[in-house]
Protein backbone atom coordinates (compact mmCIF):
# COMPACT_ATOMS: atom_id res chain seq x y z
CA MET A 1 3.54 22.43 -12.68
CA VAL A 2 5.64 19.47 -10.39
CA LEU A 3 5.15 16.48 -12.61
CA ARG A 4 5.57 16.14 -16.08
CA ASP A 5 5.21 13.53 -18.45
CA VAL A 6 5.42 10.70 -16.25
CA ASP A 7 4.01 7.37 -17.38
CA LEU A 8 4.08 5.09 -14.51
CA VAL A 9 3.01 1.69 -13.42
CA LEU A 10 2.78 0.57 -9.80
CA ALA A 11 1.99 -3.52 -9.69
CA GLU A 12 2.85 -3.74 -6.34
CA ARG A 13 0.32 -4.02 -3.25
CA ARG A 14 2.23 -1.33 -1.27
CA ILE A 15 4.56 1.21 -2.58
CA ALA A 16 6.72 3.98 -0.84
CA VAL A 17 7.91 7.18 -2.20
CA VAL A 18 11.21 8.72 -1.02
CA GLY A 19 12.63 11.84 -2.32
CA ALA A 20 13.84 15.54 -1.63
CA ASN A 21 11.30 18.43 -0.74
CA GLY A 22 9.22 19.83 -3.42
CA SER A 23 10.03 16.42 -5.68
CA GLY A 24 6.35 15.62 -5.87
CA LYS A 25 6.00 13.47 -3.40
CA SER A 26 2.76 14.30 -2.20
CA THR A 27 1.39 15.52 -5.71
CA LEU A 28 1.94 12.27 -6.98
CA ALA A 29 -0.01 10.60 -3.98
CA ARG A 30 -2.58 13.24 -4.03
CA LEU A 31 -3.13 12.41 -8.08
CA LEU A 32 -3.21 8.70 -7.20
CA ASN A 33 -5.71 9.13 -4.80
CA GLY A 34 -8.06 11.49 -6.85
CA LEU A 35 -7.89 14.41 -4.38
CA VAL A 36 -6.00 16.55 -7.14
CA LEU A 37 -6.91 16.26 -10.90
CA PRO A 38 -4.44 16.51 -13.46
CA SER A 39 -4.07 19.46 -15.56
CA GLU A 40 -3.61 17.22 -18.64
CA GLY A 41 -3.44 13.41 -19.40
CA SER A 42 -5.17 11.30 -16.97
CA VAL A 43 -4.87 9.16 -13.61
CA VAL A 44 -6.40 5.60 -14.18
CA VAL A 45 -6.02 2.96 -10.88
CA ASP A 46 -7.16 -0.29 -11.57
CA GLY A 47 -9.44 0.74 -14.30
CA HIS A 48 -10.82 3.59 -12.96
CA ASP A 49 -10.41 7.05 -13.81
CA THR A 50 -9.99 9.83 -10.86
CA ARG A 51 -11.55 12.38 -12.57
CA ASP A 52 -14.85 10.18 -13.57
CA ASP A 53 -14.53 7.92 -10.76
CA GLY A 54 -12.83 8.88 -7.92
CA ALA A 55 -15.18 7.34 -4.92
CA ALA A 56 -13.73 4.05 -6.45
CA VAL A 57 -10.41 5.36 -6.75
CA ARG A 58 -10.37 6.23 -2.85
CA ARG A 59 -11.56 2.75 -2.20
CA ARG A 60 -8.54 1.16 -3.40
CA VAL A 61 -5.60 3.60 -2.81
CA GLY A 62 -4.71 5.19 0.78
CA PHE A 63 -1.82 6.98 1.87
CA VAL A 64 -0.55 8.80 5.27
CA PHE A 65 2.19 11.78 5.68
CA THR A 66 5.12 10.85 7.77
CA ASP A 67 4.01 14.67 9.00
CA PRO A 68 1.37 14.78 11.46
CA ASP A 69 1.10 18.49 10.38
CA ALA A 70 0.36 17.54 6.58
CA GLN A 71 -2.64 15.08 7.21
CA ILE A 72 -5.59 14.86 4.78
CA VAL A 73 -8.92 15.64 6.85
CA MET A 74 -7.89 14.51 10.54
CA PRO A 75 -5.46 16.32 12.90
CA THR A 76 -3.94 12.34 13.55
CA VAL A 77 -3.17 9.42 11.30
CA ALA A 78 -5.23 7.37 13.10
CA GLU A 79 -8.12 9.52 12.97
CA ASP A 80 -7.75 9.56 8.77
CA VAL A 81 -7.77 5.84 8.60
CA ALA A 82 -10.87 5.96 11.04
CA PHE A 83 -12.46 8.77 9.19
CA SER A 84 -12.14 6.82 5.97
CA LEU A 85 -13.41 3.43 7.52
CA ARG A 86 -16.45 4.84 8.25
CA ARG A 87 -17.98 5.42 4.73
CA ARG A 88 -17.51 1.43 4.08
CA GLY A 89 -19.77 -1.05 5.41
């Protein structure tokens, strides 16, 4: 487990997370986006628990990697963003 005993409130609209390789940045982003569920505790975004309402969470949280090889779905940031916007309407 990379993240342990974390209690975090992010009040700003945009947040940057910086740290060394292996420090948990990607894990935190995936947890906040509901792409990974916590093995203990909960992740709540604007009142939506990632375990129960991941779709609502993903409408509120987005992230991009600095390394294009680490993109989630598509090969580029632009294609990832375009892919996520296709479901909106």
